[in-house]
């Protein structure tokens, strides 16, 4: 797969250190068999803290759409258009 297409498809999980909900979200992403995603920790980033502080964990797809917690594996797959 070309690298630019791979980047477009990559997901990002916005999360915090020491966050139980974020740990649960990681388990859900594993259950949904999300093959590849980046983790971005919002701690110590004023912009990300302002944007996601009360919302984490948040999953963003490669097109910029966001899925707020709570979500389960079925919802993640539907969000990403996967069976």
PDB file of N, CA and C in Angstrom:
ATOM      1  N   UNK A   1       0.856  -1.186   0.000  1.00  0.00           N
ATOM      2  CA  UNK A   1       0.000   0.000   0.000  1.00  0.00           C
ATOM      3  C   UNK A   1       0.893   1.237   0.000  1.00  0.00           C
ATOM      4  N   UNK A   2       0.634   2.204  -0.863  1.00  0.00           N
ATOM      5  CA  UNK A   2       1.434   3.432  -0.871  1.00  0.00           C
ATOM      6  C   UNK A   2       1.383   4.123   0.480  1.00  0.00           C
ATOM      7  N   UNK A   3       2.502   4.758   0.862  1.00  0.00           N
ATOM      8  CA  UNK A   3       2.585   5.345   2.198  1.00  0.00           C
ATOM      9  C   UNK A   3       1.556   6.448   2.410  1.00  0.00           C
ATOM     10  N   UNK A   4       1.232   7.259   1.382  1.00  0.00           N
ATOM     11  CA  UNK A   4       0.244   8.325   1.575  1.00  0.00           C
ATOM     12  C   UNK A   4      -1.149   7.750   1.825  1.00  0.00           C
ATOM     13  N   UNK A   5      -1.478   6.617   1.195  1.00  0.00           N
ATOM     14  CA  UNK A   5      -2.766   5.974   1.439  1.00  0.00           C
ATOM     15  C   UNK A   5      -2.792   5.383   2.844  1.00  0.00           C
ATOM     16  N   UNK A   6      -1.684   4.810   3.270  1.00  0.00           N
ATOM     17  CA  UNK A   6      -1.598   4.244   4.610  1.00  0.00           C
ATOM     18  C   UNK A   6      -1.796   5.327   5.666  1.00  0.00           C
ATOM     19  N   UNK A   7      -1.198   6.487   5.461  1.00  0.00           N
ATOM     20  CA  UNK A   7      -1.345   7.585   6.409  1.00  0.00           C
ATOM     21  C   UNK A   7      -2.793   8.052   6.472  1.00  0.00           C
ATOM     22  N   UNK A   8      -3.460   8.106   5.323  1.00  0.00           N
ATOM     23  CA  UNK A   8      -4.843   8.549   5.283  1.00  0.00           C
ATOM     24  C   UNK A   8      -5.743   7.600   6.070  1.00  0.00           C
ATOM     25  N   UNK A   9      -5.393   6.318   6.079  1.00  0.00           N
ATOM     26  CA  UNK A   9      -6.220   5.326   6.742  1.00  0.00           C
ATOM     27  C   UNK A   9      -5.891   5.188   8.228  1.00  0.00           C
ATOM     28  N   UNK A  10      -4.767   5.713   8.679  1.00  0.00           N
ATOM     29  CA  UNK A  10      -4.351   5.541  10.068  1.00  0.00           C
ATOM     30  C   UNK A  10      -5.321   6.233  11.019  1.00  0.00           C
ATOM     31  N   UNK A  11      -5.543   5.589  12.147  1.00  0.00           N
ATOM     32  CA  UNK A  11      -6.389   6.159  13.186  1.00  0.00           C
ATOM     33  C   UNK A  11      -5.507   6.650  14.321  1.00  0.00           C
ATOM     34  N   UNK A  12      -6.063   7.561  15.095  1.00  0.00           N
ATOM     35  CA  UNK A  12      -5.378   8.083  16.278  1.00  0.00           C
ATOM     36  C   UNK A  12      -6.309   7.914  17.465  1.00  0.00           C
ATOM     37  N   UNK A  13      -5.770   7.397  18.550  1.00  0.00           N
ATOM     38  CA  UNK A  13      -6.500   7.348  19.808  1.00  0.00           C
ATOM     39  C   UNK A  13      -5.920   8.426  20.713  1.00  0.00           C
ATOM     40  N   UNK A  14      -6.734   9.439  21.015  1.00  0.00           N
ATOM     41  CA  UNK A  14      -6.331  10.476  21.953  1.00  0.00           C
ATOM     42  C   UNK A  14      -6.643   9.968  23.352  1.00  0.00           C
ATOM     43  N   UNK A  15      -5.627  10.025  24.226  1.00  0.00           N
ATOM     44  CA  UNK A  15      -5.793   9.465  25.559  1.00  0.00           C
ATOM     45  C   UNK A  15      -4.907  10.179  26.565  1.00  0.00           C
ATOM     46  N   UNK A  16      -5.013   9.746  27.809  1.00  0.00           N
ATOM     47  CA  UNK A  16      -4.210  10.290  28.910  1.00  0.00           C
ATOM     48  C   UNK A  16      -3.396   9.170  29.546  1.00  0.00           C
ATOM     49  N   UNK A  17      -2.340   9.561  30.238  1.00  0.00           N
ATOM     50  CA  UNK A  17      -1.636   8.624  31.107  1.00  0.00           C
ATOM     51  C   UNK A  17      -2.544   8.293  32.282  1.00  0.00           C
ATOM     52  N   UNK A  18      -2.443   7.065  32.776  1.00  0.00           N
ATOM     53  CA  UNK A  18      -3.150   6.643  33.988  1.00  0.00           C
ATOM     54  C   UNK A  18      -4.663   6.857  33.877  1.00  0.00           C
ATOM     55  N   UNK A  19      -5.225   6.483  32.740  1.00  0.00           N
ATOM     56  CA  UNK A  19      -6.658   6.672  32.468  1.00  0.00           C
ATOM     57  C   UNK A  19      -7.298   5.294  32.278  1.00  0.00           C
ATOM     58  N   UNK A  20      -8.170   4.920  33.197  1.00  0.00           N
ATOM     59  CA  UNK A  20      -8.809   3.609  33.111  1.00  0.00           C
ATOM     60  C   UNK A  20      -9.705   3.480  31.881  1.00  0.00           C
ATOM     61  N   UNK A  21     -10.411   4.551  31.535  1.00  0.00           N
ATOM     62  CA  UNK A  21     -11.252   4.508  30.330  1.00  0.00           C
ATOM     63  C   UNK A  21     -10.397   4.338  29.080  1.00  0.00           C
ATOM     64  N   UNK A  22      -9.227   4.966  29.078  1.00  0.00           N
ATOM     65  CA  UNK A  22      -8.319   4.831  27.936  1.00  0.00           C
ATOM     66  C   UNK A  22      -7.815   3.395  27.821  1.00  0.00           C
ATOM     67  N   UNK A  23      -7.526   2.767  28.956  1.00  0.00           N
ATOM     68  CA  UNK A  23      -7.132   1.357  28.947  1.00  0.00           C
ATOM     69  C   UNK A  23      -8.255   0.488  28.399  1.00  0.00           C
ATOM     70  N   UNK A  24      -9.488   0.800  28.783  1.00  0.00           N
ATOM     71  CA  UNK A  24     -10.637   0.070  28.246  1.00  0.00           C
ATOM     72  C   UNK A  24     -10.752   0.275  26.740  1.00  0.00           C
ATOM     73  N   UNK A  25     -10.518   1.503  26.277  1.00  0.00           N
ATOM     74  CA  UNK A  25     -10.589   1.794  24.839  1.00  0.00           C
ATOM     75  C   UNK A  25      -9.540   0.988  24.071  1.00  0.00           C
ATOM     76  N   UNK A  26      -8.354   0.855  24.626  1.00  0.00           N
ATOM     77  CA  UNK A  26      -7.318   0.048  23.974  1.00  0.00           C
ATOM     78  C   UNK A  26      -7.761  -1.402  23.835  1.00  0.00           C
ATOM     79  N   UNK A  27      -8.417  -1.927  24.861  1.00  0.00           N
ATOM     80  CA  UNK A  27      -8.933  -3.292  24.790  1.00  0.00           C
ATOM     81  C   UNK A  27     -10.023  -3.413  23.725  1.00  0.00           C
ATOM     82  N   UNK A  28     -10.873  -2.403  23.618  1.00  0.00           N
ATOM     83  CA  UNK A  28     -11.929  -2.401  22.605  1.00  0.00           C
ATOM     84  C   UNK A  28     -11.324  -2.371  21.207  1.00  0.00           C
ATOM     85  N   UNK A  29     -10.293  -1.563  21.004  1.00  0.00           N
ATOM     86  CA  UNK A  29      -9.648  -1.499  19.689  1.00  0.00           C
ATOM     87  C   UNK A  29      -9.009  -2.831  19.334  1.00  0.00           C
ATOM     88  N   UNK A  30      -8.446  -3.513  20.315  1.00  0.00           N
ATOM     89  CA  UNK A  30      -7.897  -4.849  20.066  1.00  0.00           C
ATOM     90  C   UNK A  30      -9.013  -5.818  19.698  1.00  0.00           C
ATOM     91  N   UNK A  31     -10.126  -5.752  20.411  1.00  0.00           N
ATOM     92  CA  UNK A  31     -11.268  -6.615  20.114  1.00  0.00           C
ATOM     93  C   UNK A  31     -11.828  -6.330  18.715  1.00  0.00           C
ATOM     94  N   UNK A  32     -11.807  -5.067  18.317  1.00  0.00           N
ATOM     95  CA  UNK A  32     -12.298  -4.684  16.982  1.00  0.00           C
ATOM     96  C   UNK A  32     -11.283  -5.031  15.893  1.00  0.00           C
ATOM     97  N   UNK A  33     -10.121  -5.490  16.317  1.00  0.00           N
ATOM     98  CA  UNK A  33      -9.031  -5.872  15.402  1.00  0.00           C
ATOM     99  C   UNK A  33      -8.589  -4.708  14.519  1.00  0.00           C
ATOM    100  N   UNK A  34      -8.499  -3.545  15.157  1.00  0.00           N
ATOM    101  CA  UNK A  34      -7.979  -2.368  14.458  1.00  0.00           C
ATOM    102  C   UNK A  34      -6.498  -2.630  14.200  1.00  0.00           C
ATOM    103  N   UNK A  35      -6.095  -2.756  12.950  1.00  0.00           N
ATOM    104  CA  UNK A  35      -4.738  -3.218  12.662  1.00  0.00           C
ATOM    105  C   UNK A  35      -3.638  -2.230  13.033  1.00  0.00           C
ATOM    106  N   UNK A  36      -3.907  -0.971  12.901  1.00  0.00           N
ATOM    107  CA  UNK A  36      -2.868   0.019  13.087  1.00  0.00           C
ATOM    108  C   UNK A  36      -3.483   1.316  13.564  1.00  0.00           C
ATOM    109  N   UNK A  37      -2.911   1.878  14.604  1.00  0.00           N
ATOM    110  CA  UNK A  37      -3.354   3.195  15.053  1.00  0.00           C
ATOM    111  C   UNK A  37      -2.236   3.813  15.869  1.00  0.00           C
ATOM    112  N   UNK A  38      -2.284   5.112  15.998  1.00  0.00           N
ATOM    113  CA  UNK A  38      -1.326   5.842  16.813  1.00  0.00           C
ATOM    114  C   UNK A  38      -2.003   6.250  18.106  1.00  0.00           C
ATOM    115  N   UNK A  39      -1.236   6.288  19.173  1.00  0.00           N
ATOM    116  CA  UNK A  39      -1.713   6.810  20.451  1.00  0.00           C
ATOM    117  C   UNK A  39      -1.112   8.180  20.657  1.00  0.00           C
ATOM    118  N   UNK A  40      -1.951   9.140  20.961  1.00  0.00           N
ATOM    119  CA  UNK A  40      -1.490  10.492  21.269  1.00  0.00           C
ATOM    120  C   UNK A  40      -1.965  10.816  22.672  1.00  0.00           C
ATOM    121  N   UNK A  41      -1.011  11.111  23.546  1.00  0.00           N
ATOM    122  CA  UNK A  41      -1.325  11.456  24.923  1.00  0.00           C
ATOM    123  C   UNK A  41      -1.481  12.965  25.021  1.00  0.00           C
ATOM    124  N   UNK A  42      -2.612  13.393  25.574  1.00  0.00           N
ATOM    125  CA  UNK A  42      -2.921  14.823  25.600  1.00  0.00           C
ATOM    126  C   UNK A  42      -2.295  15.537  26.788  1.00  0.00           C
ATOM    127  N   UNK A  43      -1.785  14.765  27.747  1.00  0.00           N
ATOM    128  CA  UNK A  43      -1.164  15.364  28.928  1.00  0.00           C
ATOM    129  C   UNK A  43      -0.037  16.295  28.496  1.00  0.00           C
ATOM    130  N   UNK A  44       0.057  17.419  29.116  1.00  0.00           N
ATOM    131  CA  UNK A  44       1.143  18.381  28.882  1.00  0.00           C
ATOM    132  C   UNK A  44       1.101  19.047  27.510  1.00  0.00           C
ATOM    133  N   UNK A  45      -0.043  19.009  26.840  1.00  0.00           N
ATOM    134  CA  UNK A  45      -0.204  19.726  25.578  1.00  0.00           C
ATOM    135  C   UNK A  45      -1.449  20.603  25.725  1.00  0.00           C
ATOM    136  N   UNK A  46      -1.244  21.890  25.864  1.00  0.00           N
ATOM    137  CA  UNK A  46      -2.356  22.812  26.170  1.00  0.00           C
ATOM    138  C   UNK A  46      -3.455  22.751  25.113  1.00  0.00           C
ATOM    139  N   UNK A  47      -3.089  22.697  23.833  1.00  0.00           N
ATOM    140  CA  UNK A  47      -4.095  22.653  22.777  1.00  0.00           C
ATOM    141  C   UNK A  47      -4.914  21.365  22.864  1.00  0.00           C
ATOM    142  N   UNK A  48      -4.228  20.220  22.938  1.00  0.00           N
ATOM    143  CA  UNK A  48      -4.943  18.944  23.004  1.00  0.00           C
ATOM    144  C   UNK A  48      -5.756  18.823  24.289  1.00  0.00           C
ATOM    145  N   UNK A  49      -5.221  19.344  25.374  1.00  0.00           N
ATOM    146  CA  UNK A  49      -5.946  19.328  26.643  1.00  0.00           C
ATOM    147  C   UNK A  49      -7.245  20.119  26.534  1.00  0.00           C
ATOM    148  N   UNK A  50      -7.179  21.278  25.898  1.00  0.00           N
ATOM    149  CA  UNK A  50      -8.377  22.105  25.729  1.00  0.00           C
ATOM    150  C   UNK A  50      -9.397  21.420  24.817  1.00  0.00           C
ATOM    151  N   UNK A  51      -8.917  20.747  23.786  1.00  0.00           N
ATOM    152  CA  UNK A  51      -9.819  20.121  22.816  1.00  0.00           C
ATOM    153  C   UNK A  51     -10.408  18.795  23.307  1.00  0.00           C
ATOM    154  N   UNK A  52      -9.581  17.994  23.983  1.00  0.00           N
ATOM    155  CA  UNK A  52      -9.997  16.638  24.333  1.00  0.00           C
ATOM    156  C   UNK A  52     -10.069  16.358  25.824  1.00  0.00           C
ATOM    157  N   UNK A  53      -9.765  17.326  26.659  1.00  0.00           N
ATOM    158  CA  UNK A  53      -9.643  17.103  28.094  1.00  0.00           C
ATOM    159  C   UNK A  53     -10.791  16.346  28.733  1.00  0.00           C
ATOM    160  N   UNK A  54     -12.018  16.702  28.416  1.00  0.00           N
ATOM    161  CA  UNK A  54     -13.181  16.038  29.013  1.00  0.00           C
ATOM    162  C   UNK A  54     -13.718  14.899  28.156  1.00  0.00           C
ATOM    163  N   UNK A  55     -13.140  14.710  26.971  1.00  0.00           N
ATOM    164  CA  UNK A  55     -13.699  13.746  26.023  1.00  0.00           C
ATOM    165  C   UNK A  55     -12.918  12.441  25.921  1.00  0.00           C
ATOM    166  N   UNK A  56     -11.683  12.403  26.379  1.00  0.00           N
ATOM    167  CA  UNK A  56     -10.860  11.216  26.156  1.00  0.00           C
ATOM    168  C   UNK A  56     -11.466   9.984  26.818  1.00  0.00           C
ATOM    169  N   UNK A  57     -11.289   8.843  26.195  1.00  0.00           N
ATOM    170  CA  UNK A  57     -10.590   8.595  24.952  1.00  0.00           C
ATOM    171  C   UNK A  57     -11.442   8.953  23.733  1.00  0.00           C
ATOM    172  N   UNK A  58     -10.762   9.382  22.679  1.00  0.00           N
ATOM    173  CA  UNK A  58     -11.409   9.749  21.413  1.00  0.00           C
ATOM    174  C   UNK A  58     -10.634   9.067  20.286  1.00  0.00           C
ATOM    175  N   UNK A  59     -11.347   8.400  19.396  1.00  0.00           N
ATOM    176  CA  UNK A  59     -10.738   7.775  18.231  1.00  0.00           C
ATOM    177  C   UNK A  59     -10.996   8.653  17.019  1.00  0.00           C
ATOM    178  N   UNK A  60      -9.929   9.030  16.303  1.00  0.00           N
ATOM    179  CA  UNK A  60     -10.066   9.825  15.077  1.00  0.00           C
ATOM    180  C   UNK A  60      -9.621   8.962  13.899  1.00  0.00           C
ATOM    181  N   UNK A  61     -10.435   8.956  12.840  1.00  0.00           N
ATOM    182  CA  UNK A  61     -10.050   8.194  11.653  1.00  0.00           C
ATOM    183  C   UNK A  61      -9.182   9.044  10.734  1.00  0.00           C
ATOM    184  N   UNK A  62      -8.710   8.456   9.657  1.00  0.00           N
ATOM    185  CA  UNK A  62      -7.828   9.136   8.725  1.00  0.00           C
ATOM    186  C   UNK A  62      -8.467  10.293   7.987  1.00  0.00           C
ATOM    187  N   UNK A  63      -9.796  10.397   8.040  1.00  0.00           N
ATOM    188  CA  UNK A  63     -10.506  11.503   7.396  1.00  0.00           C
ATOM    189  C   UNK A  63     -10.860  12.621   8.370  1.00  0.00           C
ATOM    190  N   UNK A  64     -10.454  12.474   9.638  1.00  0.00           N
ATOM    191  CA  UNK A  64     -10.700  13.506  10.630  1.00  0.00           C
ATOM    192  C   UNK A  64     -11.994  13.356  11.412  1.00  0.00           C
ATOM    193  N   UNK A  65     -12.771  12.314  11.112  1.00  0.00           N
ATOM    194  CA  UNK A  65     -13.992  12.076  11.896  1.00  0.00           C
ATOM    195  C   UNK A  65     -13.594  11.538  13.257  1.00  0.00           C
ATOM    196  N   UNK A  66     -14.385  11.854  14.279  1.00  0.00           N
ATOM    197  CA  UNK A  66     -14.048  11.433  15.629  1.00  0.00           C
ATOM    198  C   UNK A  66     -15.179  10.644  16.269  1.00  0.00           C
ATOM    199  N   UNK A  67     -14.786   9.636  17.036  1.00  0.00           N
ATOM    200  CA  UNK A  67     -15.715   8.790  17.776  1.00  0.00           C
ATOM    201  C   UNK A  67     -15.379   8.941  19.252  1.00  0.00           C
ATOM    202  N   UNK A  68     -16.320   9.531  19.990  1.00  0.00           N
ATOM    203  CA  UNK A  68     -16.117   9.744  21.423  1.00  0.00           C
ATOM    204  C   UNK A  68     -16.463   8.483  22.206  1.00  0.00           C
ATOM    205  N   UNK A  69     -15.818   8.349  23.339  1.00  0.00           N
ATOM    206  CA  UNK A  69     -16.142   7.292  24.294  1.00  0.00           C
ATOM    207  C   UNK A  69     -17.516   7.553  24.883  1.00  0.00           C
ATOM    208  N   UNK A  70     -18.326   6.580  25.156  1.00  0.00           N
ATOM    209  CA  UNK A  70     -18.036   5.154  25.127  1.00  0.00           C
ATOM    210  C   UNK A  70     -18.290   4.542  23.753  1.00  0.00           C
ATOM    211  N   UNK A  71     -17.454   3.578  23.401  1.00  0.00           N
ATOM    212  CA  UNK A  71     -17.661   2.800  22.180  1.00  0.00           C
ATOM    213  C   UNK A  71     -17.255   1.358  22.449  1.00  0.00           C
ATOM    214  N   UNK A  72     -17.838   0.470  21.649  1.00  0.00           N
ATOM    215  CA  UNK A  72     -17.492  -0.939  21.731  1.00  0.00           C
ATOM    216  C   UNK A  72     -16.951  -1.380  20.385  1.00  0.00           C
ATOM    217  N   UNK A  73     -16.552  -2.649  20.282  1.00  0.00           N
ATOM    218  CA  UNK A  73     -15.941  -3.146  19.046  1.00  0.00           C
ATOM    219  C   UNK A  73     -16.880  -3.027  17.853  1.00  0.00           C
ATOM    220  N   UNK A  74     -18.163  -3.298  18.064  1.00  0.00           N
ATOM    221  CA  UNK A  74     -19.138  -3.206  16.973  1.00  0.00           C
ATOM    222  C   UNK A  74     -19.223  -1.767  16.471  1.00  0.00           C
ATOM    223  N   UNK A  75     -19.263  -0.842  17.392  1.00  0.00           N
ATOM    224  CA  UNK A  75     -19.362   0.577  17.011  1.00  0.00           C
ATOM    225  C   UNK A  75     -18.091   1.052  16.305  1.00  0.00           C
ATOM    226  N   UNK A  76     -16.933   0.587  16.762  1.00  0.00           N
ATOM    227  CA  UNK A  76     -15.672   0.947  16.107  1.00  0.00           C
ATOM    228  C   UNK A  76     -15.651   0.438  14.677  1.00  0.00           C
ATOM    229  N   UNK A  77     -16.019  -0.833  14.495  1.00  0.00           N
ATOM    230  CA  UNK A  77     -16.027  -1.387  13.134  1.00  0.00           C
ATOM    231  C   UNK A  77     -17.001  -0.631  12.235  1.00  0.00           C
ATOM    232  N   UNK A  78     -18.169  -0.287  12.743  1.00  0.00           N
ATOM    233  CA  UNK A  78     -19.147   0.472  11.959  1.00  0.00           C
ATOM    234  C   UNK A  78     -18.601   1.857  11.627  1.00  0.00           C
ATOM    235  N   UNK A  79     -17.979   2.506  12.599  1.00  0.00           N
ATOM    236  CA  UNK A  79     -17.386   3.834  12.408  1.00  0.00           C
ATOM    237  C   UNK A  79     -16.348   3.810  11.289  1.00  0.00           C
ATOM    238  N   UNK A  80     -15.582   2.727  11.234  1.00  0.00           N
ATOM    239  CA  UNK A  80     -14.522   2.597  10.235  1.00  0.00           C
ATOM    240  C   UNK A  80     -14.997   1.931   8.937  1.00  0.00           C
ATOM    241  N   UNK A  81     -16.285   1.563   8.886  1.00  0.00           N
ATOM    242  CA  UNK A  81     -16.830   0.948   7.684  1.00  0.00           C
ATOM    243  C   UNK A  81     -16.318  -0.447   7.435  1.00  0.00           C
ATOM    244  N   UNK A  82     -16.057  -1.184   8.533  1.00  0.00           N
ATOM    245  CA  UNK A  82     -15.561  -2.558   8.425  1.00  0.00           C
ATOM    246  C   UNK A  82     -16.643  -3.520   8.891  1.00  0.00           C
ATOM    247  N   UNK A  83     -16.733  -4.680   8.234  1.00  0.00           N
ATOM    248  CA  UNK A  83     -17.738  -5.683   8.639  1.00  0.00           C
ATOM    249  C   UNK A  83     -17.419  -6.307   9.986  1.00  0.00           C
TER     250      UNK A  83
END
